[in-house]
Amino acid sequence: MGKVEKIKFNYNLHYLLESELTLDSDNKLISEIKYSYDKNRNVIGIQNSTLNRLWEYQYIKFDKENNWIERKRLLNGNLFSIEKRSINYW
C-alpha cells in the first residue's frame, strides 16, 4: 500500500458533503466516510467504514433563526457528548 496521496470530497446537488475518500498513491481506497442529513440540512450521521464507527446527531434545541444550539452526539449508539453553542447575530 502506498502513502496517502489524495482526499476526494463528493457533494450532492444541495452542496452538502456526501462522502470523503482517502486514496493512496496507487489510487486504492484507504478510508471512506459518508455523511447523512435531515430535511433542514443538519448532519445526522457520519459513518466511517474503515474504523467501523457511526457518529449520530440528535438535535434538541434550536434558536429563533432555526439553527441548532443543543444536540446529542452518539458513537455507535452510545451517548458520547451533549454539545451546546451560542450564536451571535449582527
N, C-alpha and C. Protein backbone atom coordinates (compact mmCIF):
# COMPACT_ATOMS: atom_id res chain seq x y z
N MET A 1 0.85 -1.18 0.00
CA MET A 1 0.00 0.00 0.00
C MET A 1 0.90 1.24 0.00
N GLY A 2 0.55 2.19 -0.86
CA GLY A 2 1.31 3.43 -0.94
C GLY A 2 0.88 4.41 0.13
N LYS A 3 1.59 5.51 0.20
CA LYS A 3 1.25 6.55 1.17
C LYS A 3 -0.01 7.30 0.72
N VAL A 4 -0.61 8.05 1.64
CA VAL A 4 -1.80 8.82 1.32
C VAL A 4 -1.44 9.82 0.23
N GLU A 5 -2.18 9.78 -0.85
CA GLU A 5 -1.91 10.65 -1.99
C GLU A 5 -2.93 11.76 -2.11
N LYS A 6 -4.20 11.42 -1.89
CA LYS A 6 -5.22 12.46 -2.02
C LYS A 6 -6.48 12.12 -1.24
N ILE A 7 -7.23 13.16 -0.98
CA ILE A 7 -8.54 13.02 -0.35
C ILE A 7 -9.54 13.60 -1.33
N LYS A 8 -10.57 12.83 -1.62
CA LYS A 8 -11.59 13.24 -2.59
C LYS A 8 -12.88 13.51 -1.84
N PHE A 9 -13.48 14.68 -2.08
CA PHE A 9 -14.74 15.07 -1.46
C PHE A 9 -15.84 15.03 -2.51
N ASN A 10 -16.96 14.39 -2.18
CA ASN A 10 -18.11 14.30 -3.08
C ASN A 10 -19.28 15.04 -2.45
N TYR A 11 -19.94 15.90 -3.24
CA TYR A 11 -21.06 16.71 -2.77
C TYR A 11 -22.32 16.35 -3.54
N ASN A 12 -23.48 16.54 -2.90
CA ASN A 12 -24.74 16.28 -3.58
C ASN A 12 -25.23 17.54 -4.30
N LEU A 13 -26.41 17.48 -4.88
CA LEU A 13 -26.95 18.62 -5.63
C LEU A 13 -27.26 19.83 -4.77
N HIS A 14 -27.34 19.63 -3.44
CA HIS A 14 -27.61 20.72 -2.50
C HIS A 14 -26.31 21.25 -1.88
N TYR A 15 -25.17 20.85 -2.44
CA TYR A 15 -23.84 21.28 -2.00
C TYR A 15 -23.50 20.78 -0.59
N LEU A 16 -24.11 19.67 -0.21
CA LEU A 16 -23.79 19.05 1.08
C LEU A 16 -22.78 17.93 0.85
N LEU A 17 -21.81 17.83 1.74
CA LEU A 17 -20.79 16.79 1.64
C LEU A 17 -21.44 15.42 1.80
N GLU A 18 -21.28 14.54 0.81
CA GLU A 18 -21.83 13.19 0.87
C GLU A 18 -20.80 12.17 1.32
N SER A 19 -19.57 12.32 0.83
CA SER A 19 -18.55 11.35 1.20
C SER A 19 -17.16 11.96 1.09
N GLU A 20 -16.25 11.32 1.80
CA GLU A 20 -14.84 11.72 1.82
C GLU A 20 -14.02 10.45 1.63
N LEU A 21 -13.27 10.38 0.55
CA LEU A 21 -12.48 9.21 0.24
C LEU A 21 -11.00 9.54 0.39
N THR A 22 -10.28 8.70 1.10
CA THR A 22 -8.83 8.85 1.21
C THR A 22 -8.21 7.74 0.36
N LEU A 23 -7.35 8.15 -0.59
CA LEU A 23 -6.74 7.21 -1.53
C LEU A 23 -5.23 7.21 -1.36
N ASP A 24 -4.61 6.06 -1.61
CA ASP A 24 -3.15 6.01 -1.56
C ASP A 24 -2.57 6.38 -2.91
N SER A 25 -1.26 6.33 -3.02
CA SER A 25 -0.59 6.75 -4.25
C SER A 25 -0.92 5.85 -5.44
N ASP A 26 -1.46 4.67 -5.19
CA ASP A 26 -1.89 3.76 -6.25
C ASP A 26 -3.38 3.90 -6.54
N ASN A 27 -4.01 4.94 -5.98
CA ASN A 27 -5.45 5.21 -6.12
C ASN A 27 -6.32 4.13 -5.49
N LYS A 28 -5.79 3.41 -4.52
CA LYS A 28 -6.56 2.42 -3.79
C LYS A 28 -7.17 3.08 -2.56
N LEU A 29 -8.38 2.69 -2.25
CA LEU A 29 -9.12 3.27 -1.13
C LEU A 29 -8.48 2.91 0.21
N ILE A 30 -8.21 3.94 1.01
CA ILE A 30 -7.71 3.75 2.37
C ILE A 30 -8.88 3.84 3.34
N SER A 31 -9.71 4.88 3.17
CA SER A 31 -10.87 5.02 4.05
C SER A 31 -11.99 5.75 3.33
N GLU A 32 -13.20 5.53 3.82
CA GLU A 32 -14.38 6.20 3.27
C GLU A 32 -15.26 6.66 4.42
N ILE A 33 -15.65 7.91 4.36
CA ILE A 33 -16.55 8.49 5.35
C ILE A 33 -17.78 8.99 4.61
N LYS A 34 -18.97 8.59 5.08
CA LYS A 34 -20.22 9.00 4.46
C LYS A 34 -21.02 9.86 5.42
N TYR A 35 -21.69 10.87 4.88
CA TYR A 35 -22.46 11.83 5.67
C TYR A 35 -23.93 11.75 5.29
N SER A 36 -24.81 11.92 6.29
CA SER A 36 -26.25 11.99 6.02
C SER A 36 -26.83 13.18 6.76
N TYR A 37 -27.95 13.70 6.22
CA TYR A 37 -28.52 14.95 6.70
C TYR A 37 -30.03 14.83 6.88
N ASP A 38 -30.58 15.69 7.73
CA ASP A 38 -32.03 15.76 7.86
C ASP A 38 -32.58 16.77 6.84
N LYS A 39 -33.88 16.99 6.86
CA LYS A 39 -34.51 17.87 5.87
C LYS A 39 -34.07 19.33 6.00
N ASN A 40 -33.52 19.69 7.17
CA ASN A 40 -33.04 21.05 7.40
C ASN A 40 -31.54 21.20 7.15
N ARG A 41 -30.95 20.19 6.56
CA ARG A 41 -29.52 20.16 6.21
C ARG A 41 -28.60 20.07 7.43
N ASN A 42 -29.12 19.59 8.54
CA ASN A 42 -28.28 19.30 9.70
C ASN A 42 -27.70 17.90 9.54
N VAL A 43 -26.42 17.76 9.83
CA VAL A 43 -25.82 16.43 9.74
C VAL A 43 -26.44 15.54 10.82
N ILE A 44 -26.85 14.34 10.45
CA ILE A 44 -27.43 13.40 11.42
C ILE A 44 -26.61 12.13 11.53
N GLY A 45 -25.67 11.92 10.60
CA GLY A 45 -24.85 10.73 10.67
C GLY A 45 -23.55 10.87 9.93
N ILE A 46 -22.50 10.32 10.52
CA ILE A 46 -21.19 10.25 9.87
C ILE A 46 -20.69 8.82 10.06
N GLN A 47 -20.60 8.09 8.95
CA GLN A 47 -20.20 6.68 9.00
C GLN A 47 -18.78 6.54 8.48
N ASN A 48 -17.88 6.03 9.33
CA ASN A 48 -16.51 5.73 8.91
C ASN A 48 -16.40 4.22 8.79
N SER A 49 -16.44 3.73 7.55
CA SER A 49 -16.44 2.28 7.32
C SER A 49 -15.12 1.63 7.69
N THR A 50 -14.02 2.36 7.57
CA THR A 50 -12.71 1.80 7.88
C THR A 50 -12.56 1.53 9.38
N LEU A 51 -13.01 2.50 10.19
CA LEU A 51 -12.90 2.35 11.64
C LEU A 51 -14.13 1.71 12.27
N ASN A 52 -15.14 1.41 11.44
CA ASN A 52 -16.40 0.85 11.92
C ASN A 52 -17.02 1.72 13.01
N ARG A 53 -17.08 3.03 12.72
CA ARG A 53 -17.66 3.99 13.66
C ARG A 53 -18.83 4.71 13.01
N LEU A 54 -19.87 4.90 13.79
CA LEU A 54 -21.01 5.68 13.35
C LEU A 54 -21.28 6.77 14.36
N TRP A 55 -21.10 8.01 13.93
CA TRP A 55 -21.47 9.17 14.74
C TRP A 55 -22.88 9.55 14.36
N GLU A 56 -23.75 9.71 15.35
CA GLU A 56 -25.12 10.15 15.11
C GLU A 56 -25.36 11.42 15.90
N TYR A 57 -26.20 12.30 15.34
CA TYR A 57 -26.51 13.57 15.98
C TYR A 57 -28.02 13.68 16.16
N GLN A 58 -28.44 14.01 17.37
CA GLN A 58 -29.85 14.23 17.69
C GLN A 58 -29.99 15.67 18.16
N TYR A 59 -30.80 16.44 17.46
CA TYR A 59 -30.93 17.87 17.74
C TYR A 59 -32.01 18.09 18.79
N ILE A 60 -31.68 18.87 19.80
CA ILE A 60 -32.54 19.06 20.97
C ILE A 60 -33.19 20.44 20.94
N LYS A 61 -32.39 21.48 20.74
CA LYS A 61 -32.90 22.86 20.79
C LYS A 61 -32.41 23.65 19.59
N PHE A 62 -33.27 24.60 19.17
CA PHE A 62 -32.96 25.48 18.06
C PHE A 62 -33.21 26.92 18.50
N ASP A 63 -32.50 27.87 17.90
CA ASP A 63 -32.71 29.28 18.23
C ASP A 63 -33.78 29.88 17.33
N LYS A 64 -33.98 31.18 17.43
CA LYS A 64 -35.04 31.86 16.68
C LYS A 64 -34.80 31.84 15.17
N GLU A 65 -33.55 31.59 14.75
CA GLU A 65 -33.21 31.50 13.32
C GLU A 65 -33.20 30.04 12.83
N ASN A 66 -33.66 29.14 13.68
CA ASN A 66 -33.73 27.70 13.39
C ASN A 66 -32.35 27.04 13.23
N ASN A 67 -31.35 27.61 13.88
CA ASN A 67 -30.04 26.98 13.95
C ASN A 67 -29.95 26.19 15.25
N TRP A 68 -29.34 25.03 15.21
CA TRP A 68 -29.27 24.22 16.42
C TRP A 68 -28.36 24.90 17.45
N ILE A 69 -28.79 24.80 18.70
CA ILE A 69 -27.97 25.33 19.80
C ILE A 69 -27.67 24.24 20.84
N GLU A 70 -28.32 23.08 20.70
CA GLU A 70 -28.01 21.96 21.57
C GLU A 70 -28.29 20.66 20.81
N ARG A 71 -27.34 19.74 20.90
CA ARG A 71 -27.51 18.44 20.25
C ARG A 71 -26.76 17.37 21.02
N LYS A 72 -27.24 16.13 20.87
CA LYS A 72 -26.55 14.96 21.43
C LYS A 72 -25.70 14.35 20.33
N ARG A 73 -24.52 13.88 20.72
CA ARG A 73 -23.64 13.17 19.79
C ARG A 73 -23.47 11.76 20.31
N LEU A 74 -23.79 10.79 19.48
CA LEU A 74 -23.68 9.38 19.85
C LEU A 74 -22.62 8.70 19.01
N LEU A 75 -21.88 7.79 19.62
CA LEU A 75 -20.89 6.98 18.92
C LEU A 75 -21.33 5.54 18.99
N ASN A 76 -21.61 4.95 17.85
CA ASN A 76 -22.09 3.57 17.77
C ASN A 76 -23.28 3.32 18.69
N GLY A 77 -24.20 4.31 18.76
CA GLY A 77 -25.43 4.17 19.53
C GLY A 77 -25.35 4.56 20.99
N ASN A 78 -24.17 4.92 21.47
CA ASN A 78 -23.98 5.30 22.87
C ASN A 78 -23.72 6.79 22.99
N LEU A 79 -24.35 7.42 23.98
CA LEU A 79 -24.16 8.85 24.19
C LEU A 79 -22.68 9.15 24.39
N PHE A 80 -22.16 10.07 23.60
CA PHE A 80 -20.75 10.47 23.68
C PHE A 80 -20.63 11.85 24.31
N SER A 81 -21.50 12.78 23.88
CA SER A 81 -21.45 14.12 24.44
C SER A 81 -22.75 14.86 24.14
N ILE A 82 -22.96 15.94 24.87
CA ILE A 82 -24.02 16.89 24.58
C ILE A 82 -23.33 18.20 24.23
N GLU A 83 -23.59 18.69 23.05
CA GLU A 83 -22.93 19.90 22.57
C GLU A 83 -23.91 21.07 22.64
N LYS A 84 -23.42 22.18 23.18
CA LYS A 84 -24.22 23.40 23.26
C LYS A 84 -23.40 24.51 22.60
N ARG A 85 -24.10 25.38 21.89
CA ARG A 85 -23.41 26.51 21.27
C ARG A 85 -24.32 27.73 21.31
N SER A 86 -23.70 28.88 21.28
CA SER A 86 -24.45 30.12 21.18
C SER A 86 -24.02 30.82 19.91
N ILE A 87 -24.96 31.48 19.26
CA ILE A 87 -24.69 32.16 18.01
C ILE A 87 -25.04 33.63 18.18
N ASN A 88 -24.13 34.49 17.86
CA ASN A 88 -24.38 35.93 17.91
C ASN A 88 -24.75 36.41 16.51
N TYR A 89 -25.88 37.07 16.40
CA TYR A 89 -26.32 37.61 15.12
C TYR A 89 -26.10 39.11 15.14
N TRP A 90 -25.59 39.65 14.05
CA TRP A 90 -25.30 41.08 13.95
C TRP A 90 -26.32 41.79 13.13
